[in-house]
């Protein structure tokens, strides 16, 4: 969801709110040793049930305030933005 407001001749404010459910993923249950044909030993994953788990839900709120004065006959926008205003932890996996 996004919205923008223009108030006074050169001022504007806006916000952007995003919500996403957690993406499904296949968990890694463990590892096992594997030897390549050249004798190199590597670890390989042991996968669990495909797409049986989900990452946490995600929410982000971005806020913006902008002022647009005339400079040398053209507009120059100066803006203050607060990204992830709620400080919600980003999902990584």
PDB file of N, CA and C in Angstrom:
ATOM      1  N   UNK A   1       0.849  -1.137   0.000  1.00  0.00           N
ATOM      2  CA  UNK A   1       0.000   0.000   0.000  1.00  0.00           C
ATOM      3  C   UNK A   1       0.913   1.223   0.000  1.00  0.00           C
ATOM      4  N   UNK A   2       0.571   2.199  -0.820  1.00  0.00           N
ATOM      5  CA  UNK A   2       1.352   3.423  -0.905  1.00  0.00           C
ATOM      6  C   UNK A   2       0.413   4.604  -1.007  1.00  0.00           C
ATOM      7  N   UNK A   3       0.864   5.743  -0.507  1.00  0.00           N
ATOM      8  CA  UNK A   3       0.087   6.966  -0.618  1.00  0.00           C
ATOM      9  C   UNK A   3       1.037   8.153  -0.640  1.00  0.00           C
ATOM     10  N   UNK A   4       0.581   9.230  -1.274  1.00  0.00           N
ATOM     11  CA  UNK A   4       1.371  10.441  -1.377  1.00  0.00           C
ATOM     12  C   UNK A   4       0.451  11.645  -1.227  1.00  0.00           C
ATOM     13  N   UNK A   5       0.910  12.659  -0.507  1.00  0.00           N
ATOM     14  CA  UNK A   5       0.149  13.887  -0.311  1.00  0.00           C
ATOM     15  C   UNK A   5       1.028  15.071  -0.677  1.00  0.00           C
ATOM     16  N   UNK A   6       0.437  16.020  -1.400  1.00  0.00           N
ATOM     17  CA  UNK A   6       1.117  17.288  -1.667  1.00  0.00           C
ATOM     18  C   UNK A   6       0.415  18.345  -0.837  1.00  0.00           C
ATOM     19  N   UNK A   7       1.164  19.029  -0.003  1.00  0.00           N
ATOM     20  CA  UNK A   7       0.605  20.095   0.809  1.00  0.00           C
ATOM     21  C   UNK A   7       1.521  21.304   0.674  1.00  0.00           C
ATOM     22  N   UNK A   8       0.922  22.446   0.692  1.00  0.00           N
ATOM     23  CA  UNK A   8       1.640  23.681   0.370  1.00  0.00           C
ATOM     24  C   UNK A   8       2.197  23.532  -1.047  1.00  0.00           C
ATOM     25  N   UNK A   9       2.659  24.587  -1.646  1.00  0.00           N
ATOM     26  CA  UNK A   9       3.077  24.478  -3.043  1.00  0.00           C
ATOM     27  C   UNK A   9       4.264  23.543  -3.306  1.00  0.00           C
ATOM     28  N   UNK A  10       5.189  23.429  -2.403  1.00  0.00           N
ATOM     29  CA  UNK A  10       6.419  22.674  -2.715  1.00  0.00           C
ATOM     30  C   UNK A  10       6.728  21.531  -1.756  1.00  0.00           C
ATOM     31  N   UNK A  11       5.786  21.144  -0.956  1.00  0.00           N
ATOM     32  CA  UNK A  11       6.008  20.092   0.027  1.00  0.00           C
ATOM     33  C   UNK A  11       5.193  18.851  -0.318  1.00  0.00           C
ATOM     34  N   UNK A  12       5.759  17.677  -0.064  1.00  0.00           N
ATOM     35  CA  UNK A  12       5.048  16.415  -0.290  1.00  0.00           C
ATOM     36  C   UNK A  12       5.487  15.403   0.765  1.00  0.00           C
ATOM     37  N   UNK A  13       4.575  14.524   1.113  1.00  0.00           N
ATOM     38  CA  UNK A  13       4.864  13.427   2.049  1.00  0.00           C
ATOM     39  C   UNK A  13       4.291  12.152   1.453  1.00  0.00           C
ATOM     40  N   UNK A  14       4.941  11.039   1.750  1.00  0.00           N
ATOM     41  CA  UNK A  14       4.453   9.759   1.232  1.00  0.00           C
ATOM     42  C   UNK A  14       4.872   8.632   2.153  1.00  0.00           C
ATOM     43  N   UNK A  15       4.226   7.489   1.950  1.00  0.00           N
ATOM     44  CA  UNK A  15       4.633   6.288   2.676  1.00  0.00           C
ATOM     45  C   UNK A  15       4.436   5.081   1.765  1.00  0.00           C
ATOM     46  N   UNK A  16       5.161   4.030   2.089  1.00  0.00           N
ATOM     47  CA  UNK A  16       5.050   2.748   1.400  1.00  0.00           C
ATOM     48  C   UNK A  16       5.045   1.665   2.466  1.00  0.00           C
ATOM     49  N   UNK A  17       4.009   0.851   2.494  1.00  0.00           N
ATOM     50  CA  UNK A  17       3.908  -0.252   3.449  1.00  0.00           C
ATOM     51  C   UNK A  17       3.811  -1.557   2.670  1.00  0.00           C
ATOM     52  N   UNK A  18       4.647  -2.513   3.001  1.00  0.00           N
ATOM     53  CA  UNK A  18       4.644  -3.823   2.340  1.00  0.00           C
ATOM     54  C   UNK A  18       4.517  -4.922   3.389  1.00  0.00           C
ATOM     55  N   UNK A  19       3.693  -5.897   3.070  1.00  0.00           N
ATOM     56  CA  UNK A  19       3.555  -7.082   3.918  1.00  0.00           C
ATOM     57  C   UNK A  19       3.623  -8.299   3.018  1.00  0.00           C
ATOM     58  N   UNK A  20       4.395  -9.279   3.401  1.00  0.00           N
ATOM     59  CA  UNK A  20       4.504 -10.511   2.617  1.00  0.00           C
ATOM     60  C   UNK A  20       4.521 -11.700   3.569  1.00  0.00           C
ATOM     61  N   UNK A  21       3.789 -12.736   3.195  1.00  0.00           N
ATOM     62  CA  UNK A  21       3.833 -13.962   3.984  1.00  0.00           C
ATOM     63  C   UNK A  21       5.158 -14.648   3.733  1.00  0.00           C
ATOM     64  N   UNK A  22       5.555 -15.489   4.655  1.00  0.00           N
ATOM     65  CA  UNK A  22       6.829 -16.176   4.537  1.00  0.00           C
ATOM     66  C   UNK A  22       6.847 -17.149   3.367  1.00  0.00           C
ATOM     67  N   UNK A  23       7.922 -17.114   2.617  1.00  0.00           N
ATOM     68  CA  UNK A  23       8.099 -17.995   1.465  1.00  0.00           C
ATOM     69  C   UNK A  23       8.395 -19.423   1.941  1.00  0.00           C
ATOM     70  N   UNK A  24       7.798 -20.439   1.316  1.00  0.00           N
ATOM     71  CA  UNK A  24       8.105 -21.811   1.718  1.00  0.00           C
ATOM     72  C   UNK A  24       9.520 -22.205   1.286  1.00  0.00           C
ATOM     73  N   UNK A  25      10.119 -23.097   2.063  1.00  0.00           N
ATOM     74  CA  UNK A  25      11.452 -23.594   1.709  1.00  0.00           C
ATOM     75  C   UNK A  25      11.609 -25.030   2.181  1.00  0.00           C
ATOM     76  N   UNK A  26      12.615 -25.699   1.644  1.00  0.00           N
ATOM     77  CA  UNK A  26      12.940 -27.073   2.016  1.00  0.00           C
ATOM     78  C   UNK A  26      14.059 -27.036   3.058  1.00  0.00           C
ATOM     79  N   UNK A  27      13.827 -27.552   4.253  1.00  0.00           N
ATOM     80  CA  UNK A  27      14.863 -27.488   5.290  1.00  0.00           C
ATOM     81  C   UNK A  27      16.005 -28.468   5.004  1.00  0.00           C
ATOM     82  N   UNK A  28      17.185 -28.132   5.506  1.00  0.00           N
ATOM     83  CA  UNK A  28      18.345 -29.032   5.444  1.00  0.00           C
ATOM     84  C   UNK A  28      18.432 -29.700   6.804  1.00  0.00           C
ATOM     85  N   UNK A  29      18.308 -31.025   6.830  1.00  0.00           N
ATOM     86  CA  UNK A  29      18.271 -31.791   8.076  1.00  0.00           C
ATOM     87  C   UNK A  29      19.651 -32.187   8.579  1.00  0.00           C
ATOM     88  N   UNK A  30      20.615 -32.221   7.682  1.00  0.00           N
ATOM     89  CA  UNK A  30      21.960 -32.629   8.072  1.00  0.00           C
ATOM     90  C   UNK A  30      22.876 -32.639   6.861  1.00  0.00           C
ATOM     91  N   UNK A  31      24.036 -33.259   7.014  1.00  0.00           N
ATOM     92  CA  UNK A  31      25.003 -33.361   5.913  1.00  0.00           C
ATOM     93  C   UNK A  31      25.627 -34.747   5.903  1.00  0.00           C
ATOM     94  N   UNK A  32      26.244 -35.077   4.784  1.00  0.00           N
ATOM     95  CA  UNK A  32      27.010 -36.319   4.687  1.00  0.00           C
ATOM     96  C   UNK A  32      28.259 -36.058   3.858  1.00  0.00           C
ATOM     97  N   UNK A  33      29.306 -36.849   4.108  1.00  0.00           N
ATOM     98  CA  UNK A  33      30.575 -36.695   3.396  1.00  0.00           C
ATOM     99  C   UNK A  33      30.474 -37.377   2.039  1.00  0.00           C
ATOM    100  N   UNK A  34      31.015 -36.719   1.010  1.00  0.00           N
ATOM    101  CA  UNK A  34      30.999 -37.232  -0.355  1.00  0.00           C
ATOM    102  C   UNK A  34      32.394 -37.058  -0.918  1.00  0.00           C
ATOM    103  N   UNK A  35      32.909 -38.077  -1.595  1.00  0.00           N
ATOM    104  CA  UNK A  35      34.226 -38.001  -2.203  1.00  0.00           C
ATOM    105  C   UNK A  35      34.076 -37.901  -3.715  1.00  0.00           C
ATOM    106  N   UNK A  36      34.635 -36.822  -4.298  1.00  0.00           N
ATOM    107  CA  UNK A  36      34.597 -36.621  -5.744  1.00  0.00           C
ATOM    108  C   UNK A  36      35.511 -37.626  -6.441  1.00  0.00           C
ATOM    109  N   UNK A  37      35.408 -37.672  -7.758  1.00  0.00           N
ATOM    110  CA  UNK A  37      36.242 -38.604  -8.539  1.00  0.00           C
ATOM    111  C   UNK A  37      37.724 -38.274  -8.439  1.00  0.00           C
ATOM    112  N   UNK A  38      38.048 -37.002  -8.130  1.00  0.00           N
ATOM    113  CA  UNK A  38      39.457 -36.634  -7.986  1.00  0.00           C
ATOM    114  C   UNK A  38      39.967 -36.834  -6.559  1.00  0.00           C
ATOM    115  N   UNK A  39      39.129 -37.396  -5.674  1.00  0.00           N
ATOM    116  CA  UNK A  39      39.534 -37.691  -4.307  1.00  0.00           C
ATOM    117  C   UNK A  39      39.233 -36.585  -3.303  1.00  0.00           C
ATOM    118  N   UNK A  40      38.648 -35.485  -3.757  1.00  0.00           N
ATOM    119  CA  UNK A  40      38.315 -34.381  -2.864  1.00  0.00           C
ATOM    120  C   UNK A  40      37.078 -34.739  -2.047  1.00  0.00           C
ATOM    121  N   UNK A  41      37.167 -34.559  -0.745  1.00  0.00           N
ATOM    122  CA  UNK A  41      36.045 -34.851   0.136  1.00  0.00           C
ATOM    123  C   UNK A  41      35.225 -33.582   0.364  1.00  0.00           C
ATOM    124  N   UNK A  42      33.906 -33.691   0.219  1.00  0.00           N
ATOM    125  CA  UNK A  42      33.014 -32.545   0.390  1.00  0.00           C
ATOM    126  C   UNK A  42      31.828 -32.949   1.253  1.00  0.00           C
ATOM    127  N   UNK A  43      31.177 -31.942   1.833  1.00  0.00           N
ATOM    128  CA  UNK A  43      29.940 -32.179   2.570  1.00  0.00           C
ATOM    129  C   UNK A  43      28.760 -31.853   1.665  1.00  0.00           C
ATOM    130  N   UNK A  44      27.769 -32.705   1.668  1.00  0.00           N
ATOM    131  CA  UNK A  44      26.555 -32.482   0.881  1.00  0.00           C
ATOM    132  C   UNK A  44      25.360 -32.468   1.829  1.00  0.00           C
ATOM    133  N   UNK A  45      24.323 -31.685   1.486  1.00  0.00           N
ATOM    134  CA  UNK A  45      23.164 -31.577   2.380  1.00  0.00           C
ATOM    135  C   UNK A  45      22.232 -32.779   2.288  1.00  0.00           C
ATOM    136  N   UNK A  46      21.553 -33.047   3.393  1.00  0.00           N
ATOM    137  CA  UNK A  46      20.454 -34.021   3.429  1.00  0.00           C
ATOM    138  C   UNK A  46      19.183 -33.177   3.580  1.00  0.00           C
ATOM    139  N   UNK A  47      18.333 -33.197   2.559  1.00  0.00           N
ATOM    140  CA  UNK A  47      17.135 -32.358   2.548  1.00  0.00           C
ATOM    141  C   UNK A  47      15.970 -33.043   3.236  1.00  0.00           C
ATOM    142  N   UNK A  48      15.153 -32.241   3.902  1.00  0.00           N
ATOM    143  CA  UNK A  48      13.933 -32.727   4.531  1.00  0.00           C
ATOM    144  C   UNK A  48      12.783 -32.721   3.531  1.00  0.00           C
ATOM    145  N   UNK A  49      11.569 -32.696   4.045  1.00  0.00           N
ATOM    146  CA  UNK A  49      10.370 -32.678   3.220  1.00  0.00           C
ATOM    147  C   UNK A  49      10.342 -31.394   2.378  1.00  0.00           C
ATOM    148  N   UNK A  50      10.193 -31.496   1.046  1.00  0.00           N
ATOM    149  CA  UNK A  50      10.195 -30.299   0.201  1.00  0.00           C
ATOM    150  C   UNK A  50       9.102 -29.301   0.603  1.00  0.00           C
ATOM    151  N   UNK A  51       9.502 -28.044   0.729  1.00  0.00           N
ATOM    152  CA  UNK A  51       8.603 -26.915   1.024  1.00  0.00           C
ATOM    153  C   UNK A  51       7.743 -27.127   2.272  1.00  0.00           C
ATOM    154  N   UNK A  52       8.305 -27.793   3.272  1.00  0.00           N
ATOM    155  CA  UNK A  52       7.539 -28.088   4.484  1.00  0.00           C
ATOM    156  C   UNK A  52       7.639 -26.983   5.542  1.00  0.00           C
ATOM    157  N   UNK A  53       8.510 -26.020   5.354  1.00  0.00           N
ATOM    158  CA  UNK A  53       8.644 -24.920   6.314  1.00  0.00           C
ATOM    159  C   UNK A  53       8.503 -23.592   5.593  1.00  0.00           C
ATOM    160  N   UNK A  54       8.224 -22.546   6.377  1.00  0.00           N
ATOM    161  CA  UNK A  54       8.070 -21.204   5.812  1.00  0.00           C
ATOM    162  C   UNK A  54       8.962 -20.220   6.565  1.00  0.00           C
ATOM    163  N   UNK A  55       9.490 -19.248   5.822  1.00  0.00           N
ATOM    164  CA  UNK A  55      10.201 -18.153   6.455  1.00  0.00           C
ATOM    165  C   UNK A  55       9.180 -17.295   7.206  1.00  0.00           C
ATOM    166  N   UNK A  56       9.618 -16.479   8.169  1.00  0.00           N
ATOM    167  CA  UNK A  56       8.678 -15.609   8.885  1.00  0.00           C
ATOM    168  C   UNK A  56       8.043 -14.577   7.938  1.00  0.00           C
ATOM    169  N   UNK A  57       6.875 -14.073   8.332  1.00  0.00           N
ATOM    170  CA  UNK A  57       6.240 -13.005   7.574  1.00  0.00           C
ATOM    171  C   UNK A  57       7.133 -11.768   7.625  1.00  0.00           C
ATOM    172  N   UNK A  58       6.929 -10.869   6.661  1.00  0.00           N
ATOM    173  CA  UNK A  58       7.779  -9.688   6.557  1.00  0.00           C
ATOM    174  C   UNK A  58       6.914  -8.440   6.411  1.00  0.00           C
ATOM    175  N   UNK A  59       7.288  -7.369   7.107  1.00  0.00           N
ATOM    176  CA  UNK A  59       6.595  -6.090   7.007  1.00  0.00           C
ATOM    177  C   UNK A  59       7.628  -4.974   6.969  1.00  0.00           C
ATOM    178  N   UNK A  60       7.426  -4.004   6.088  1.00  0.00           N
ATOM    179  CA  UNK A  60       8.314  -2.844   6.020  1.00  0.00           C
ATOM    180  C   UNK A  60       7.458  -1.592   5.821  1.00  0.00           C
ATOM    181  N   UNK A  61       7.863  -0.506   6.482  1.00  0.00           N
ATOM    182  CA  UNK A  61       7.190   0.783   6.358  1.00  0.00           C
ATOM    183  C   UNK A  61       8.246   1.836   6.055  1.00  0.00           C
ATOM    184  N   UNK A  62       8.142   2.476   4.879  1.00  0.00           N
ATOM    185  CA  UNK A  62       9.053   3.541   4.471  1.00  0.00           C
ATOM    186  C   UNK A  62       8.292   4.862   4.480  1.00  0.00           C
ATOM    187  N   UNK A  63       8.906   5.900   5.050  1.00  0.00           N
ATOM    188  CA  UNK A  63       8.308   7.222   5.141  1.00  0.00           C
ATOM    189  C   UNK A  63       9.171   8.227   4.384  1.00  0.00           C
ATOM    190  N   UNK A  64       8.530   9.250   3.791  1.00  0.00           N
ATOM    191  CA  UNK A  64       9.282  10.216   2.988  1.00  0.00           C
ATOM    192  C   UNK A  64       8.649  11.600   3.111  1.00  0.00           C
ATOM    193  N   UNK A  65       9.508  12.631   3.248  1.00  0.00           N
ATOM    194  CA  UNK A  65       9.099  14.023   3.260  1.00  0.00           C
ATOM    195  C   UNK A  65      10.004  14.745   2.270  1.00  0.00           C
ATOM    196  N   UNK A  66       9.416  15.507   1.328  1.00  0.00           N
ATOM    197  CA  UNK A  66      10.220  16.152   0.285  1.00  0.00           C
ATOM    198  C   UNK A  66       9.836  17.618   0.134  1.00  0.00           C
ATOM    199  N   UNK A  67      10.842  18.427  -0.184  1.00  0.00           N
ATOM    200  CA  UNK A  67      10.670  19.847  -0.470  1.00  0.00           C
ATOM    201  C   UNK A  67      11.308  20.113  -1.816  1.00  0.00           C
ATOM    202  N   UNK A  68      10.617  20.834  -2.700  1.00  0.00           N
ATOM    203  CA  UNK A  68      11.099  21.051  -4.061  1.00  0.00           C
ATOM    204  C   UNK A  68      11.180  22.539  -4.379  1.00  0.00           C
ATOM    205  N   UNK A  69      12.312  23.179  -4.087  1.00  0.00           N
ATOM    206  CA  UNK A  69      12.469  24.597  -4.440  1.00  0.00           C
ATOM    207  C   UNK A  69      12.914  24.757  -5.900  1.00  0.00           C
ATOM    208  N   UNK A  70      12.783  25.965  -6.405  1.00  0.00           N
ATOM    209  CA  UNK A  70      13.305  26.301  -7.736  1.00  0.00           C
ATOM    210  C   UNK A  70      14.768  26.708  -7.583  1.00  0.00           C
ATOM    211  N   UNK A  71      15.652  26.101  -8.351  1.00  0.00           N
ATOM    212  CA  UNK A  71      17.072  26.432  -8.328  1.00  0.00           C
ATOM    213  C   UNK A  71      17.523  26.642  -9.770  1.00  0.00           C
ATOM    214  N   UNK A  72      17.992  27.839 -10.088  1.00  0.00           N
ATOM    215  CA  UNK A  72      18.431  28.193 -11.437  1.00  0.00           C
ATOM    216  C   UNK A  72      17.359  27.874 -12.477  1.00  0.00           C
ATOM    217  N   UNK A  73      16.111  28.160 -12.163  1.00  0.00           N
ATOM    218  CA  UNK A  73      15.019  27.995 -13.109  1.00  0.00           C
ATOM    219  C   UNK A  73      14.454  26.587 -13.215  1.00  0.00           C
ATOM    220  N   UNK A  74      14.932  25.656 -12.415  1.00  0.00           N
ATOM    221  CA  UNK A  74      14.430  24.283 -12.455  1.00  0.00           C
ATOM    222  C   UNK A  74      14.202  23.748 -11.054  1.00  0.00           C
ATOM    223  N   UNK A  75      13.433  22.679 -10.939  1.00  0.00           N
ATOM    224  CA  UNK A  75      13.157  22.121  -9.612  1.00  0.00           C
ATOM    225  C   UNK A  75      14.328  21.291  -9.076  1.00  0.00           C
ATOM    226  N   UNK A  76      14.555  21.402  -7.786  1.00  0.00           N
ATOM    227  CA  UNK A  76      15.536  20.568  -7.091  1.00  0.00           C
ATOM    228  C   UNK A  76      14.816  19.957  -5.901  1.00  0.00           C
ATOM    229  N   UNK A  77      14.724  18.635  -5.853  1.00  0.00           N
ATOM    230  CA  UNK A  77      14.001  17.976  -4.765  1.00  0.00           C
ATOM    231  C   UNK A  77      14.967  17.569  -3.662  1.00  0.00           C
ATOM    232  N   UNK A  78      14.683  17.996  -2.454  1.00  0.00           N
ATOM    233  CA  UNK A  78      15.417  17.593  -1.261  1.00  0.00           C
ATOM    234  C   UNK A  78      14.471  16.742  -0.431  1.00  0.00           C
ATOM    235  N   UNK A  79      14.904  15.559  -0.061  1.00  0.00           N
ATOM    236  CA  UNK A  79      14.002  14.630   0.621  1.00  0.00           C
ATOM    237  C   UNK A  79      14.672  14.002   1.835  1.00  0.00           C
ATOM    238  N   UNK A  80      13.845  13.702   2.814  1.00  0.00           N
ATOM    239  CA  UNK A  80      14.250  12.938   3.987  1.00  0.00           C
ATOM    240  C   UNK A  80      13.449  11.643   3.963  1.00  0.00           C
ATOM    241  N   UNK A  81      14.140  10.516   3.971  1.00  0.00           N
ATOM    242  CA  UNK A  81      13.469   9.221   3.938  1.00  0.00           C
ATOM    243  C   UNK A  81      13.855   8.398   5.155  1.00  0.00           C
ATOM    244  N   UNK A  82      12.895   7.730   5.713  1.00  0.00           N
ATOM    245  CA  UNK A  82      13.135   6.777   6.796  1.00  0.00           C
ATOM    246  C   UNK A  82      12.748   5.413   6.235  1.00  0.00           C
ATOM    247  N   UNK A  83      13.737   4.591   5.966  1.00  0.00           N
ATOM    248  CA  UNK A  83      13.504   3.256   5.428  1.00  0.00           C
ATOM    249  C   UNK A  83      13.359   2.268   6.573  1.00  0.00           C
ATOM    250  N   UNK A  84      12.389   1.383   6.477  1.00  0.00           N
ATOM    251  CA  UNK A  84      12.093   0.396   7.507  1.00  0.00           C
ATOM    252  C   UNK A  84      11.883   1.083   8.857  1.00  0.00           C
ATOM    253  N   UNK A  85      10.941   2.006   8.884  1.00  0.00           N
ATOM    254  CA  UNK A  85      10.674   2.819  10.081  1.00  0.00           C
ATOM    255  C   UNK A  85      10.325   1.978  11.307  1.00  0.00           C
ATOM    256  N   UNK A  86       9.743   0.819  11.121  1.00  0.00           N
ATOM    257  CA  UNK A  86       9.388  -0.042  12.249  1.00  0.00           C
ATOM    258  C   UNK A  86      10.543  -0.928  12.693  1.00  0.00           C
ATOM    259  N   UNK A  87      11.668  -0.855  11.976  1.00  0.00           N
ATOM    260  CA  UNK A  87      12.860  -1.645  12.287  1.00  0.00           C
ATOM    261  C   UNK A  87      12.554  -3.143  12.339  1.00  0.00           C
ATOM    262  N   UNK A  88      11.682  -3.603  11.452  1.00  0.00           N
ATOM    263  CA  UNK A  88      11.342  -5.017  11.371  1.00  0.00           C
ATOM    264  C   UNK A  88      12.500  -5.778  10.770  1.00  0.00           C
ATOM    265  N   UNK A  89      12.885  -6.878  11.368  1.00  0.00           N
ATOM    266  CA  UNK A  89      14.051  -7.648  10.928  1.00  0.00           C
ATOM    267  C   UNK A  89      13.819  -8.256   9.547  1.00  0.00           C
ATOM    268  N   UNK A  90      14.786  -8.107   8.652  1.00  0.00           N
ATOM    269  CA  UNK A  90      14.695  -8.656   7.308  1.00  0.00           C
ATOM    270  C   UNK A  90      14.856 -10.171   7.348  1.00  0.00           C
ATOM    271  N   UNK A  91      14.118 -10.864   6.489  1.00  0.00           N
ATOM    272  CA  UNK A  91      14.146 -12.329   6.444  1.00  0.00           C
ATOM    273  C   UNK A  91      15.292 -12.758   5.530  1.00  0.00           C
ATOM    274  N   UNK A  92      16.139 -13.637   6.021  1.00  0.00           N
ATOM    275  CA  UNK A  92      17.231 -14.175   5.226  1.00  0.00           C
ATOM    276  C   UNK A  92      17.226 -15.674   5.319  1.00  0.00           C
ATOM    277  N   UNK A  93      17.652 -16.310   4.262  1.00  0.00           N
ATOM    278  CA  UNK A  93      17.722 -17.758   4.311  1.00  0.00           C
ATOM    279  C   UNK A  93      18.455 -18.332   3.145  1.00  0.00           C
TER     280      UNK A  93
END
